[in-house]
């Protein structure tokens, strides 16, 4: 029994899709294992450790927010300058 080219291509495409899905499932499984390990570690930590971790995370979040605000302001300034340049050119 011979398989035509279209059918063969669909079989190969389906096979590749299955490999891609399996790789995604494996990746998610590894991520779940990592999360479970972190949860076990956190369960063993004291309240003081949790409070310190929260403080560090809040500081990191504030730094990122500050950077993003600065970048947002820089983008606005660049866009305003671009608008001025366009008006001058016209």
PDB file of N, CA and C in Angstrom:
ATOM      1  N   UNK A   1       0.847  -1.175   0.000  1.00  0.00           N
ATOM      2  CA  UNK A   1       0.000   0.000   0.000  1.00  0.00           C
ATOM      3  C   UNK A   1       0.893   1.240   0.000  1.00  0.00           C
ATOM      4  N   UNK A   2       0.674   2.097  -0.952  1.00  0.00           N
ATOM      5  CA  UNK A   2       1.447   3.325  -1.045  1.00  0.00           C
ATOM      6  C   UNK A   2       0.662   4.481  -0.444  1.00  0.00           C
ATOM      7  N   UNK A   3       1.404   5.402   0.137  1.00  0.00           N
ATOM      8  CA  UNK A   3       0.794   6.590   0.732  1.00  0.00           C
ATOM      9  C   UNK A   3       1.128   7.771  -0.155  1.00  0.00           C
ATOM     10  N   UNK A   4       0.103   8.561  -0.464  1.00  0.00           N
ATOM     11  CA  UNK A   4       0.380   9.735  -1.304  1.00  0.00           C
ATOM     12  C   UNK A   4       1.142  10.792  -0.499  1.00  0.00           C
ATOM     13  N   UNK A   5       1.693  11.748  -1.188  1.00  0.00           N
ATOM     14  CA  UNK A   5       2.556  12.757  -0.579  1.00  0.00           C
ATOM     15  C   UNK A   5       1.823  13.585   0.466  1.00  0.00           C
ATOM     16  N   UNK A   6       0.584  13.972   0.185  1.00  0.00           N
ATOM     17  CA  UNK A   6      -0.177  14.789   1.143  1.00  0.00           C
ATOM     18  C   UNK A   6      -0.406  14.039   2.454  1.00  0.00           C
ATOM     19  N   UNK A   7      -0.788  12.773   2.338  1.00  0.00           N
ATOM     20  CA  UNK A   7      -1.025  11.973   3.531  1.00  0.00           C
ATOM     21  C   UNK A   7       0.270  11.800   4.321  1.00  0.00           C
ATOM     22  N   UNK A   8       1.365  11.529   3.606  1.00  0.00           N
ATOM     23  CA  UNK A   8       2.660  11.373   4.268  1.00  0.00           C
ATOM     24  C   UNK A   8       3.049  12.655   5.001  1.00  0.00           C
ATOM     25  N   UNK A   9       2.858  13.797   4.356  1.00  0.00           N
ATOM     26  CA  UNK A   9       3.182  15.079   4.984  1.00  0.00           C
ATOM     27  C   UNK A   9       2.347  15.309   6.240  1.00  0.00           C
ATOM     28  N   UNK A  10       1.066  14.932   6.183  1.00  0.00           N
ATOM     29  CA  UNK A  10       0.198  15.096   7.350  1.00  0.00           C
ATOM     30  C   UNK A  10       0.638  14.180   8.493  1.00  0.00           C
ATOM     31  N   UNK A  11       1.070  12.961   8.136  1.00  0.00           N
ATOM     32  CA  UNK A  11       1.552  12.031   9.161  1.00  0.00           C
ATOM     33  C   UNK A  11       2.796  12.601   9.840  1.00  0.00           C
ATOM     34  N   UNK A  12       3.724  13.108   9.043  1.00  0.00           N
ATOM     35  CA  UNK A  12       4.952  13.695   9.591  1.00  0.00           C
ATOM     36  C   UNK A  12       4.619  14.908  10.455  1.00  0.00           C
ATOM     37  N   UNK A  13       3.699  15.748   9.970  1.00  0.00           N
ATOM     38  CA  UNK A  13       3.309  16.946  10.729  1.00  0.00           C
ATOM     39  C   UNK A  13       2.682  16.557  12.066  1.00  0.00           C
ATOM     40  N   UNK A  14       1.803  15.547  12.039  1.00  0.00           N
ATOM     41  CA  UNK A  14       1.169  15.076  13.269  1.00  0.00           C
ATOM     42  C   UNK A  14       2.211  14.500  14.223  1.00  0.00           C
ATOM     43  N   UNK A  15       3.148  13.743  13.680  1.00  0.00           N
ATOM     44  CA  UNK A  15       4.222  13.172  14.501  1.00  0.00           C
ATOM     45  C   UNK A  15       5.033  14.285  15.174  1.00  0.00           C
ATOM     46  N   UNK A  16       5.354  15.321  14.419  1.00  0.00           N
ATOM     47  CA  UNK A  16       6.102  16.450  14.979  1.00  0.00           C
ATOM     48  C   UNK A  16       5.291  17.181  16.040  1.00  0.00           C
ATOM     49  N   UNK A  17       3.981  17.326  15.801  1.00  0.00           N
ATOM     50  CA  UNK A  17       3.110  17.963  16.798  1.00  0.00           C
ATOM     51  C   UNK A  17       3.099  17.161  18.098  1.00  0.00           C
ATOM     52  N   UNK A  18       3.020  15.840  17.967  1.00  0.00           N
ATOM     53  CA  UNK A  18       3.007  14.974  19.147  1.00  0.00           C
ATOM     54  C   UNK A  18       4.321  15.113  19.915  1.00  0.00           C
ATOM     55  N   UNK A  19       5.449  15.150  19.199  1.00  0.00           N
ATOM     56  CA  UNK A  19       6.747  15.331  19.858  1.00  0.00           C
ATOM     57  C   UNK A  19       6.793  16.666  20.592  1.00  0.00           C
ATOM     58  N   UNK A  20       6.242  17.707  19.962  1.00  0.00           N
ATOM     59  CA  UNK A  20       6.234  19.036  20.578  1.00  0.00           C
ATOM     60  C   UNK A  20       5.389  19.038  21.858  1.00  0.00           C
ATOM     61  N   UNK A  21       4.228  18.400  21.797  1.00  0.00           N
ATOM     62  CA  UNK A  21       3.342  18.334  22.966  1.00  0.00           C
ATOM     63  C   UNK A  21       4.009  17.540  24.090  1.00  0.00           C
ATOM     64  N   UNK A  22       4.638  16.425  23.738  1.00  0.00           N
ATOM     65  CA  UNK A  22       5.334  15.627  24.758  1.00  0.00           C
ATOM     66  C   UNK A  22       6.448  16.425  25.419  1.00  0.00           C
ATOM     67  N   UNK A  23       7.185  17.180  24.628  1.00  0.00           N
ATOM     68  CA  UNK A  23       8.258  18.013  25.191  1.00  0.00           C
ATOM     69  C   UNK A  23       7.674  19.047  26.148  1.00  0.00           C
ATOM     70  N   UNK A  24       6.523  19.633  25.775  1.00  0.00           N
ATOM     71  CA  UNK A  24       5.862  20.600  26.650  1.00  0.00           C
ATOM     72  C   UNK A  24       5.409  19.968  27.955  1.00  0.00           C
ATOM     73  N   UNK A  25       4.873  18.757  27.864  1.00  0.00           N
ATOM     74  CA  UNK A  25       4.427  18.049  29.068  1.00  0.00           C
ATOM     75  C   UNK A  25       5.621  17.737  29.965  1.00  0.00           C
ATOM     76  N   UNK A  26       6.725  17.291  29.369  1.00  0.00           N
ATOM     77  CA  UNK A  26       7.930  17.016  30.160  1.00  0.00           C
ATOM     78  C   UNK A  26       8.424  18.277  30.859  1.00  0.00           C
ATOM     79  N   UNK A  27       8.401  19.395  30.144  1.00  0.00           N
ATOM     80  CA  UNK A  27       8.855  20.660  30.729  1.00  0.00           C
ATOM     81  C   UNK A  27       7.958  21.052  31.903  1.00  0.00           C
ATOM     82  N   UNK A  28       6.632  20.924  31.709  1.00  0.00           N
ATOM     83  CA  UNK A  28       5.701  21.262  32.793  1.00  0.00           C
ATOM     84  C   UNK A  28       5.898  20.339  33.987  1.00  0.00           C
ATOM     85  N   UNK A  29       6.170  19.071  33.713  1.00  0.00           N
ATOM     86  CA  UNK A  29       6.395  18.117  34.792  1.00  0.00           C
ATOM     87  C   UNK A  29       7.619  18.515  35.613  1.00  0.00           C
ATOM     88  N   UNK A  30       8.683  18.919  34.930  1.00  0.00           N
ATOM     89  CA  UNK A  30       9.891  19.373  35.636  1.00  0.00           C
ATOM     90  C   UNK A  30       9.597  20.624  36.455  1.00  0.00           C
ATOM     91  N   UNK A  31       8.808  21.537  35.883  1.00  0.00           N
ATOM     92  CA  UNK A  31       8.464  22.757  36.610  1.00  0.00           C
ATOM     93  C   UNK A  31       7.639  22.426  37.850  1.00  0.00           C
ATOM     94  N   UNK A  32       6.710  21.483  37.717  1.00  0.00           N
ATOM     95  CA  UNK A  32       5.911  21.075  38.876  1.00  0.00           C
ATOM     96  C   UNK A  32       6.802  20.481  39.963  1.00  0.00           C
ATOM     97  N   UNK A  33       7.752  19.645  39.559  1.00  0.00           N
ATOM     98  CA  UNK A  33       8.680  19.072  40.538  1.00  0.00           C
ATOM     99  C   UNK A  33       9.453  20.173  41.253  1.00  0.00           C
ATOM    100  N   UNK A  34       9.920  21.165  40.493  1.00  0.00           N
ATOM    101  CA  UNK A  34      10.651  22.282  41.099  1.00  0.00           C
ATOM    102  C   UNK A  34       9.779  23.041  42.089  1.00  0.00           C
ATOM    103  N   UNK A  35       8.516  23.295  41.707  1.00  0.00           N
ATOM    104  CA  UNK A  35       7.605  24.015  42.602  1.00  0.00           C
ATOM    105  C   UNK A  35       7.338  23.205  43.870  1.00  0.00           C
ATOM    106  N   UNK A  36       7.156  21.903  43.711  1.00  0.00           N
ATOM    107  CA  UNK A  36       6.919  21.065  44.885  1.00  0.00           C
ATOM    108  C   UNK A  36       8.119  21.097  45.830  1.00  0.00           C
ATOM    109  N   UNK A  37       9.331  21.065  45.269  1.00  0.00           N
ATOM    110  CA  UNK A  37      10.536  21.140  46.109  1.00  0.00           C
ATOM    111  C   UNK A  37      10.589  22.472  46.849  1.00  0.00           C
ATOM    112  N   UNK A  38      10.273  23.566  46.138  1.00  0.00           N
ATOM    113  CA  UNK A  38      10.279  24.886  46.784  1.00  0.00           C
ATOM    114  C   UNK A  38       9.244  24.959  47.892  1.00  0.00           C
ATOM    115  N   UNK A  39       8.075  24.379  47.645  1.00  0.00           N
ATOM    116  CA  UNK A  39       7.019  24.385  48.663  1.00  0.00           C
ATOM    117  C   UNK A  39       7.496  23.637  49.903  1.00  0.00           C
ATOM    118  N   UNK A  40       8.137  22.483  49.710  1.00  0.00           N
ATOM    119  CA  UNK A  40       8.646  21.722  50.859  1.00  0.00           C
ATOM    120  C   UNK A  40       9.672  22.525  51.645  1.00  0.00           C
ATOM    121  N   UNK A  41      10.547  23.234  50.932  1.00  0.00           N
ATOM    122  CA  UNK A  41      11.552  24.067  51.604  1.00  0.00           C
ATOM    123  C   UNK A  41      10.868  25.182  52.385  1.00  0.00           C
ATOM    124  N   UNK A  42       9.884  25.835  51.746  1.00  0.00           N
ATOM    125  CA  UNK A  42       9.188  26.937  52.416  1.00  0.00           C
ATOM    126  C   UNK A  42       8.402  26.461  53.629  1.00  0.00           C
ATOM    127  N   UNK A  43       7.849  25.258  53.553  1.00  0.00           N
ATOM    128  CA  UNK A  43       7.109  24.725  54.691  1.00  0.00           C
ATOM    129  C   UNK A  43       8.016  24.533  55.904  1.00  0.00           C
ATOM    130  N   UNK A  44       9.296  24.265  55.663  1.00  0.00           N
ATOM    131  CA  UNK A  44      10.248  24.050  56.755  1.00  0.00           C
ATOM    132  C   UNK A  44      10.777  25.362  57.330  1.00  0.00           C
ATOM    133  N   UNK A  45      10.574  26.468  56.628  1.00  0.00           N
ATOM    134  CA  UNK A  45      11.112  27.761  57.060  1.00  0.00           C
ATOM    135  C   UNK A  45      10.290  28.331  58.215  1.00  0.00           C
ATOM    136  N   UNK A  46      10.940  29.168  58.990  1.00  0.00           N
ATOM    137  CA  UNK A  46      10.253  29.839  60.090  1.00  0.00           C
ATOM    138  C   UNK A  46       9.517  31.072  59.558  1.00  0.00           C
ATOM    139  N   UNK A  47       8.690  31.654  60.407  1.00  0.00           N
ATOM    140  CA  UNK A  47       7.950  32.857  60.028  1.00  0.00           C
ATOM    141  C   UNK A  47       8.910  33.995  59.716  1.00  0.00           C
ATOM    142  N   UNK A  48       9.995  34.089  60.476  1.00  0.00           N
ATOM    143  CA  UNK A  48      10.982  35.145  60.231  1.00  0.00           C
ATOM    144  C   UNK A  48      11.599  35.001  58.841  1.00  0.00           C
ATOM    145  N   UNK A  49      11.867  33.747  58.444  1.00  0.00           N
ATOM    146  CA  UNK A  49      12.415  33.510  57.104  1.00  0.00           C
ATOM    147  C   UNK A  49      11.429  33.951  56.028  1.00  0.00           C
ATOM    148  N   UNK A  50      10.144  33.651  56.262  1.00  0.00           N
ATOM    149  CA  UNK A  50       9.114  34.064  55.302  1.00  0.00           C
ATOM    150  C   UNK A  50       9.032  35.587  55.216  1.00  0.00           C
ATOM    151  N   UNK A  51       9.079  36.236  56.375  1.00  0.00           N
ATOM    152  CA  UNK A  51       9.006  37.699  56.386  1.00  0.00           C
ATOM    153  C   UNK A  51      10.195  38.309  55.656  1.00  0.00           C
ATOM    154  N   UNK A  52      11.386  37.748  55.863  1.00  0.00           N
ATOM    155  CA  UNK A  52      12.585  38.233  55.171  1.00  0.00           C
ATOM    156  C   UNK A  52      12.452  38.022  53.664  1.00  0.00           C
ATOM    157  N   UNK A  53      11.954  36.863  53.282  1.00  0.00           N
ATOM    158  CA  UNK A  53      11.766  36.568  51.851  1.00  0.00           C
ATOM    159  C   UNK A  53      10.775  37.550  51.229  1.00  0.00           C
ATOM    160  N   UNK A  54       9.683  37.827  51.923  1.00  0.00           N
ATOM    161  CA  UNK A  54       8.687  38.779  51.426  1.00  0.00           C
ATOM    162  C   UNK A  54       9.302  40.166  51.300  1.00  0.00           C
ATOM    163  N   UNK A  55      10.088  40.572  52.288  1.00  0.00           N
ATOM    164  CA  UNK A  55      10.737  41.886  52.244  1.00  0.00           C
ATOM    165  C   UNK A  55      11.664  41.995  51.031  1.00  0.00           C
ATOM    166  N   UNK A  56      12.457  40.951  50.800  1.00  0.00           N
ATOM    167  CA  UNK A  56      13.379  40.954  49.653  1.00  0.00           C
ATOM    168  C   UNK A  56      12.599  41.008  48.343  1.00  0.00           C
ATOM    169  N   UNK A  57      11.518  40.235  48.258  1.00  0.00           N
ATOM    170  CA  UNK A  57      10.701  40.245  47.041  1.00  0.00           C
ATOM    171  C   UNK A  57      10.055  41.608  46.808  1.00  0.00           C
ATOM    172  N   UNK A  58       9.595  42.250  47.890  1.00  0.00           N
ATOM    173  CA  UNK A  58       9.006  43.586  47.756  1.00  0.00           C
ATOM    174  C   UNK A  58      10.043  44.599  47.287  1.00  0.00           C
ATOM    175  N   UNK A  59      11.265  44.500  47.823  1.00  0.00           N
ATOM    176  CA  UNK A  59      12.331  45.407  47.381  1.00  0.00           C
ATOM    177  C   UNK A  59      12.637  45.199  45.903  1.00  0.00           C
ATOM    178  N   UNK A  60      12.699  43.940  45.491  1.00  0.00           N
ATOM    179  CA  UNK A  60      12.971  43.627  44.085  1.00  0.00           C
ATOM    180  C   UNK A  60      11.845  44.162  43.192  1.00  0.00           C
ATOM    181  N   UNK A  61      10.602  43.984  43.656  1.00  0.00           N
ATOM    182  CA  UNK A  61       9.462  44.484  42.889  1.00  0.00           C
ATOM    183  C   UNK A  61       9.520  46.005  42.766  1.00  0.00           C
ATOM    184  N   UNK A  62       9.853  46.686  43.849  1.00  0.00           N
ATOM    185  CA  UNK A  62       9.944  48.148  43.810  1.00  0.00           C
ATOM    186  C   UNK A  62      11.036  48.614  42.861  1.00  0.00           C
ATOM    187  N   UNK A  63      12.171  47.906  42.850  1.00  0.00           N
ATOM    188  CA  UNK A  63      13.238  48.267  41.907  1.00  0.00           C
ATOM    189  C   UNK A  63      12.758  48.120  40.471  1.00  0.00           C
ATOM    190  N   UNK A  64      12.056  47.006  40.188  1.00  0.00           N
ATOM    191  CA  UNK A  64      11.556  46.799  38.823  1.00  0.00           C
ATOM    192  C   UNK A  64      10.530  47.857  38.453  1.00  0.00           C
ATOM    193  N   UNK A  65       9.655  48.193  39.395  1.00  0.00           N
ATOM    194  CA  UNK A  65       8.656  49.222  39.116  1.00  0.00           C
ATOM    195  C   UNK A  65       9.328  50.553  38.832  1.00  0.00           C
ATOM    196  N   UNK A  66      10.369  50.875  39.611  1.00  0.00           N
ATOM    197  CA  UNK A  66      11.112  52.113  39.380  1.00  0.00           C
ATOM    198  C   UNK A  66      11.768  52.129  38.014  1.00  0.00           C
ATOM    199  N   UNK A  67      12.379  51.002  37.640  1.00  0.00           N
ATOM    200  CA  UNK A  67      13.012  50.921  36.317  1.00  0.00           C
ATOM    201  C   UNK A  67      11.982  51.054  35.211  1.00  0.00           C
ATOM    202  N   UNK A  68      10.859  50.362  35.373  1.00  0.00           N
ATOM    203  CA  UNK A  68       9.821  50.420  34.339  1.00  0.00           C
ATOM    204  C   UNK A  68       9.238  51.820  34.224  1.00  0.00           C
ATOM    205  N   UNK A  69       9.074  52.511  35.353  1.00  0.00           N
ATOM    206  CA  UNK A  69       8.566  53.885  35.308  1.00  0.00           C
ATOM    207  C   UNK A  69       9.553  54.779  34.570  1.00  0.00           C
ATOM    208  N   UNK A  70      10.847  54.610  34.846  1.00  0.00           N
ATOM    209  CA  UNK A  70      11.863  55.406  34.165  1.00  0.00           C
ATOM    210  C   UNK A  70      11.856  55.115  32.670  1.00  0.00           C
ATOM    211  N   UNK A  71      11.777  53.838  32.306  1.00  0.00           N
ATOM    212  CA  UNK A  71      11.740  53.485  30.886  1.00  0.00           C
ATOM    213  C   UNK A  71      10.486  54.037  30.214  1.00  0.00           C
ATOM    214  N   UNK A  72       9.365  53.978  30.911  1.00  0.00           N
ATOM    215  CA  UNK A  72       8.130  54.534  30.362  1.00  0.00           C
ATOM    216  C   UNK A  72       8.254  56.023  30.122  1.00  0.00           C
ATOM    217  N   UNK A  73       8.848  56.732  31.077  1.00  0.00           N
ATOM    218  CA  UNK A  73       9.060  58.169  30.919  1.00  0.00           C
ATOM    219  C   UNK A  73       9.996  58.447  29.747  1.00  0.00           C
ATOM    220  N   UNK A  74      11.047  57.655  29.613  1.00  0.00           N
ATOM    221  CA  UNK A  74      11.990  57.830  28.504  1.00  0.00           C
ATOM    222  C   UNK A  74      11.293  57.616  27.163  1.00  0.00           C
ATOM    223  N   UNK A  75      10.421  56.625  27.087  1.00  0.00           N
ATOM    224  CA  UNK A  75       9.681  56.366  25.844  1.00  0.00           C
ATOM    225  C   UNK A  75       8.778  57.545  25.514  1.00  0.00           C
ATOM    226  N   UNK A  76       8.103  58.088  26.516  1.00  0.00           N
ATOM    227  CA  UNK A  76       7.229  59.245  26.289  1.00  0.00           C
ATOM    228  C   UNK A  76       8.032  60.426  25.760  1.00  0.00           C
ATOM    229  N   UNK A  77       9.188  60.683  26.363  1.00  0.00           N
ATOM    230  CA  UNK A  77      10.031  61.799  25.919  1.00  0.00           C
ATOM    231  C   UNK A  77      10.482  61.580  24.482  1.00  0.00           C
ATOM    232  N   UNK A  78      10.909  60.371  24.154  1.00  0.00           N
ATOM    233  CA  UNK A  78      11.351  60.077  22.783  1.00  0.00           C
ATOM    234  C   UNK A  78      10.204  60.261  21.800  1.00  0.00           C
ATOM    235  N   UNK A  79       9.018  59.808  22.162  1.00  0.00           N
ATOM    236  CA  UNK A  79       7.865  59.969  21.270  1.00  0.00           C
ATOM    237  C   UNK A  79       7.510  61.439  21.087  1.00  0.00           C
ATOM    238  N   UNK A  80       7.604  62.209  22.159  1.00  0.00           N
ATOM    239  CA  UNK A  80       7.337  63.643  22.041  1.00  0.00           C
ATOM    240  C   UNK A  80       8.365  64.305  21.136  1.00  0.00           C
ATOM    241  N   UNK A  81       9.628  63.954  21.296  1.00  0.00           N
ATOM    242  CA  UNK A  81      10.667  64.509  20.428  1.00  0.00           C
ATOM    243  C   UNK A  81      10.437  64.103  18.976  1.00  0.00           C
ATOM    244  N   UNK A  82      10.024  62.864  18.767  1.00  0.00           N
ATOM    245  CA  UNK A  82       9.742  62.411  17.403  1.00  0.00           C
ATOM    246  C   UNK A  82       8.591  63.214  16.810  1.00  0.00           C
ATOM    247  N   UNK A  83       7.578  63.515  17.621  1.00  0.00           N
ATOM    248  CA  UNK A  83       6.460  64.333  17.146  1.00  0.00           C
ATOM    249  C   UNK A  83       6.906  65.729  16.777  1.00  0.00           C
ATOM    250  N   UNK A  84       7.798  66.302  17.577  1.00  0.00           N
ATOM    251  CA  UNK A  84       8.323  67.644  17.281  1.00  0.00           C
ATOM    252  C   UNK A  84       9.119  67.618  15.983  1.00  0.00           C
ATOM    253  N   UNK A  85       9.940  66.592  15.802  1.00  0.00           N
ATOM    254  CA  UNK A  85      10.737  66.476  14.576  1.00  0.00           C
ATOM    255  C   UNK A  85       9.828  66.347  13.366  1.00  0.00           C
ATOM    256  N   UNK A  86       8.776  65.562  13.484  1.00  0.00           N
ATOM    257  CA  UNK A  86       7.841  65.394  12.363  1.00  0.00           C
ATOM    258  C   UNK A  86       7.176  66.725  12.034  1.00  0.00           C
ATOM    259  N   UNK A  87       6.800  67.488  13.062  1.00  0.00           N
ATOM    260  CA  UNK A  87       6.174  68.792  12.818  1.00  0.00           C
ATOM    261  C   UNK A  87       7.150  69.751  12.153  1.00  0.00           C
ATOM    262  N   UNK A  88       8.413  69.713  12.548  1.00  0.00           N
ATOM    263  CA  UNK A  88       9.415  70.592  11.949  1.00  0.00           C
ATOM    264  C   UNK A  88       9.624  70.223  10.486  1.00  0.00           C
ATOM    265  N   UNK A  89       9.664  68.937  10.196  1.00  0.00           N
ATOM    266  CA  UNK A  89       9.895  68.486   8.821  1.00  0.00           C
ATOM    267  C   UNK A  89       8.743  68.892   7.916  1.00  0.00           C
ATOM    268  N   UNK A  90       7.533  68.874   8.402  1.00  0.00           N
ATOM    269  CA  UNK A  90       6.370  69.229   7.583  1.00  0.00           C
ATOM    270  C   UNK A  90       6.438  70.680   7.321  1.00  0.00           C
TER     271      UNK A  90
END
